Structure formats: structure tokens, C-alpha cells
Amino acid sequence: MARYIIDNQPQEINFEIGGEIIPRTVQNAKNLLMIQMGEVPYDRFRGFDPAVYHLPIDKLRMALLPELDRVMLWEPDAEVVEATAEVNKDGEIVITATLDIGIEE
């Protein structure tokens, strides 16, 4: 299994991945992390629950892994093994997740 790190910082989507399944899976996982719950019509539970952002940082860290596990249900080949949350210098919450991708290269 390969390990990859994603975060919730905006980044351009690479539309030229082609048939490469692992980079596409990592990009899908990052997209899921970037979507907030309620943004996808007809699938209001897809995406990260924005209520978690309003928790104190220590409670956010405790709620983070279960929330990321729920979010990654839409990408079954990605498993979150570790996650952290920090407040950056601009006061934004930066979530970093380590993924195991269950696809052979």
C-alpha cells in the first residue's frame, strides 16, 4: 500500500491524469476533503461537516479522524490512517490527512 498526504488547501485540479488510477484516487480524496456537507445537490451528506470547524481546536482534533473516515466512504480505495489540524498564521484551520491507497501500483 502506498501512503499519500492531502490537505484542505485549495489547489488546481489536474484534468490530465488520464488512466492513472492512484493519482486520480488521491485527487478524489482531496476533493472530498474540500467539499463541505450540503454542497452536492441530491447528496447532502457528501463532504466535510462544517460544524467541526467551529469546535475548539482540541475537540476538533478528536472529531477529525471519525469525520474523515465518514467523508472517505465515497472513495473506498482511500483509508485515512492519521490526521492533524492546525491553525495557520491567517487564522484558517489546515487539515492534513495521511492516506493509505489500497490499489497496487
C-alpha atoms as a PDB file:
ATOM      1  CA  MET A   1       0.000   0.000   0.000  1.00  0.00           C
ATOM      2  CA  ALA A   2       1.156   3.465  -0.810  1.00  0.00           C
ATOM      3  CA  ARG A   3       0.865   6.427   1.564  1.00  0.00           C
ATOM      4  CA  TYR A   4      -0.095   9.913   0.470  1.00  0.00           C
ATOM      5  CA  ILE A   5      -0.671  13.188   2.293  1.00  0.00           C
ATOM      6  CA  ILE A   6      -3.524  15.531   1.410  1.00  0.00           C
ATOM      7  CA  ASP A   7      -4.736  18.766   2.963  1.00  0.00           C
ATOM      8  CA  ASN A   8      -7.660  21.141   2.710  1.00  0.00           C
ATOM      9  CA  GLN A   9      -5.716  23.903   0.988  1.00  0.00           C
ATOM     10  CA  PRO A  10      -7.042  24.931  -2.461  1.00  0.00           C
ATOM     11  CA  GLN A  11      -5.127  23.541  -5.410  1.00  0.00           C
ATOM     12  CA  GLU A  12      -5.812  23.284  -9.123  1.00  0.00           C
ATOM     13  CA  ILE A  13      -7.428  20.073 -10.305  1.00  0.00           C
ATOM     14  CA  ASN A  14      -5.252  18.080 -12.677  1.00  0.00           C
ATOM     15  CA  PHE A  15      -7.507  17.113 -15.582  1.00  0.00           C
ATOM     16  CA  GLU A  16      -4.652  15.377 -17.420  1.00  0.00           C
ATOM     17  CA  ILE A  17      -4.200  12.408 -15.076  1.00  0.00           C
ATOM     18  CA  GLY A  18      -5.652  10.105 -17.696  1.00  0.00           C
ATOM     19  CA  GLY A  19      -5.898   6.452 -16.756  1.00  0.00           C
ATOM     20  CA  GLU A  20      -3.536   6.617 -13.796  1.00  0.00           C
ATOM     21  CA  ILE A  21      -5.720   5.260 -11.018  1.00  0.00           C
ATOM     22  CA  ILE A  22      -3.627   6.124  -7.933  1.00  0.00           C
ATOM     23  CA  PRO A  23      -3.167   9.861  -8.650  1.00  0.00           C
ATOM     24  CA  ARG A  24      -6.844  10.037  -9.559  1.00  0.00           C
ATOM     25  CA  THR A  25      -7.810   8.345  -6.276  1.00  0.00           C
ATOM     26  CA  VAL A  26      -5.642  10.770  -4.275  1.00  0.00           C
ATOM     27  CA  GLN A  27      -7.168  13.719  -6.122  1.00  0.00           C
ATOM     28  CA  ASN A  28     -10.683  12.356  -5.473  1.00  0.00           C
ATOM     29  CA  ALA A  29      -9.879  12.079  -1.757  1.00  0.00           C
ATOM     30  CA  LYS A  30      -8.631  15.671  -1.684  1.00  0.00           C
ATOM     31  CA  ASN A  31     -11.775  16.825  -3.497  1.00  0.00           C
ATOM     32  CA  LEU A  32     -13.901  15.059  -0.883  1.00  0.00           C
ATOM     33  CA  LEU A  33     -11.977  16.863   1.854  1.00  0.00           C
ATOM     34  CA  MET A  34     -12.561  20.210   0.124  1.00  0.00           C
ATOM     35  CA  ILE A  35     -16.337  19.744  -0.291  1.00  0.00           C
ATOM     36  CA  GLN A  36     -18.472  20.915   2.593  1.00  0.00           C
ATOM     37  CA  MET A  37     -21.506  18.891   3.581  1.00  0.00           C
ATOM     38  CA  GLY A  38     -24.593  20.231   1.819  1.00  0.00           C
ATOM     39  CA  GLU A  39     -22.822  21.483  -1.328  1.00  0.00           C
ATOM     40  CA  VAL A  40     -23.653  18.493  -3.534  1.00  0.00           C
ATOM     41  CA  PRO A  41     -27.286  18.528  -4.707  1.00  0.00           C
ATOM     42  CA  TYR A  42     -29.119  15.244  -4.107  1.00  0.00           C
ATOM     43  CA  ASP A  43     -26.236  14.045  -1.909  1.00  0.00           C
ATOM     44  CA  ARG A  44     -26.256  16.455   1.026  1.00  0.00           C
ATOM     45  CA  PHE A  45     -24.211  14.179   3.310  1.00  0.00           C
ATOM     46  CA  ARG A  46     -21.186  14.085   0.978  1.00  0.00           C
ATOM     47  CA  GLY A  47     -18.356  16.303   2.152  1.00  0.00           C
ATOM     48  CA  PHE A  48     -16.786  17.580   5.351  1.00  0.00           C
ATOM     49  CA  ASP A  49     -19.152  18.713   8.111  1.00  0.00           C
ATOM     50  CA  PRO A  50     -18.508  22.467   8.559  1.00  0.00           C
ATOM     51  CA  ALA A  51     -19.743  22.278  12.168  1.00  0.00           C
ATOM     52  CA  VAL A  52     -16.432  20.600  13.035  1.00  0.00           C
ATOM     53  CA  TYR A  53     -14.617  23.851  12.178  1.00  0.00           C
ATOM     54  CA  HIS A  54     -16.470  25.637  14.989  1.00  0.00           C
ATOM     55  CA  LEU A  55     -15.201  23.307  17.701  1.00  0.00           C
ATOM     56  CA  PRO A  56     -12.281  24.295  19.944  1.00  0.00           C
ATOM     57  CA  ILE A  57      -9.065  23.011  18.333  1.00  0.00           C
ATOM     58  CA  ASP A  58      -8.550  20.168  20.848  1.00  0.00           C
ATOM     59  CA  LYS A  59     -12.111  18.871  20.285  1.00  0.00           C
ATOM     60  CA  LEU A  60     -11.703  19.350  16.544  1.00  0.00           C
ATOM     61  CA  ARG A  61      -8.636  17.114  16.611  1.00  0.00           C
ATOM     62  CA  MET A  62     -10.625  14.435  18.477  1.00  0.00           C
ATOM     63  CA  ALA A  63     -13.523  14.624  15.998  1.00  0.00           C
ATOM     64  CA  LEU A  64     -11.283  14.783  12.940  1.00  0.00           C
ATOM     65  CA  LEU A  65     -10.454  11.132  12.287  1.00  0.00           C
ATOM     66  CA  PRO A  66     -14.052   9.838  12.572  1.00  0.00           C
ATOM     67  CA  GLU A  67     -15.260  12.683  10.324  1.00  0.00           C
ATOM     68  CA  LEU A  68     -12.571  11.961   7.724  1.00  0.00           C
ATOM     69  CA  ASP A  69     -13.429   8.260   7.815  1.00  0.00           C
ATOM     70  CA  ARG A  70     -17.051   9.182   7.075  1.00  0.00           C
ATOM     71  CA  VAL A  71     -16.058  11.538   4.250  1.00  0.00           C
ATOM     72  CA  MET A  72     -13.788   8.938   2.626  1.00  0.00           C
ATOM     73  CA  LEU A  73     -16.645   6.434   2.362  1.00  0.00           C
ATOM     74  CA  TRP A  74     -17.177   7.917  -1.116  1.00  0.00           C
ATOM     75  CA  GLU A  75     -13.610   6.904  -2.080  1.00  0.00           C
ATOM     76  CA  PRO A  76     -13.390   3.267  -0.944  1.00  0.00           C
ATOM     77  CA  ASP A  77      -9.759   2.815  -2.056  1.00  0.00           C
ATOM     78  CA  ALA A  78      -8.559   5.550   0.331  1.00  0.00           C
ATOM     79  CA  GLU A  79      -8.224   4.949   4.070  1.00  0.00           C
ATOM     80  CA  VAL A  80      -7.294   7.748   6.463  1.00  0.00           C
ATOM     81  CA  VAL A  81      -4.626   6.492   8.871  1.00  0.00           C
ATOM     82  CA  GLU A  82      -3.658   9.771  10.507  1.00  0.00           C
ATOM     83  CA  ALA A  83      -4.981  13.322  10.589  1.00  0.00           C
ATOM     84  CA  THR A  84      -3.979  16.616  12.159  1.00  0.00           C
ATOM     85  CA  ALA A  85      -5.485  20.078  12.370  1.00  0.00           C
ATOM     86  CA  GLU A  86      -3.592  23.302  12.943  1.00  0.00           C
ATOM     87  CA  VAL A  87      -4.469  26.975  12.812  1.00  0.00           C
ATOM     88  CA  ASN A  88      -2.227  28.814  10.337  1.00  0.00           C
ATOM     89  CA  LYS A  89      -0.984  32.410  10.609  1.00  0.00           C
ATOM     90  CA  ASP A  90      -4.115  33.667   8.795  1.00  0.00           C
ATOM     91  CA  GLY A  91      -6.394  32.007  11.372  1.00  0.00           C
ATOM     92  CA  GLU A  92      -7.546  29.281   8.965  1.00  0.00           C
ATOM     93  CA  ILE A  93      -7.821  25.666  10.053  1.00  0.00           C
ATOM     94  CA  VAL A  94      -5.490  23.491   7.985  1.00  0.00           C
ATOM     95  CA  ILE A  95      -6.348  19.801   7.970  1.00  0.00           C
ATOM     96  CA  THR A  96      -3.685  17.334   6.894  1.00  0.00           C
ATOM     97  CA  ALA A  97      -4.554  13.672   6.367  1.00  0.00           C
ATOM     98  CA  THR A  98      -2.348  10.689   5.634  1.00  0.00           C
ATOM     99  CA  LEU A  99      -3.991   8.149   3.334  1.00  0.00           C
ATOM    100  CA  ASP A 100      -3.337   4.533   2.534  1.00  0.00           C
ATOM    101  CA  ILE A 101      -4.393   3.810  -1.027  1.00  0.00           C
ATOM    102  CA  GLY A 102      -5.496   0.196  -1.363  1.00  0.00           C
ATOM    103  CA  ILE A 103      -4.550  -0.172  -5.023  1.00  0.00           C
ATOM    104  CA  GLU A 104      -1.484  -1.986  -6.249  1.00  0.00           C
ATOM    105  CA  GLU A 105       0.791   0.181  -8.401  1.00  0.00           C
END
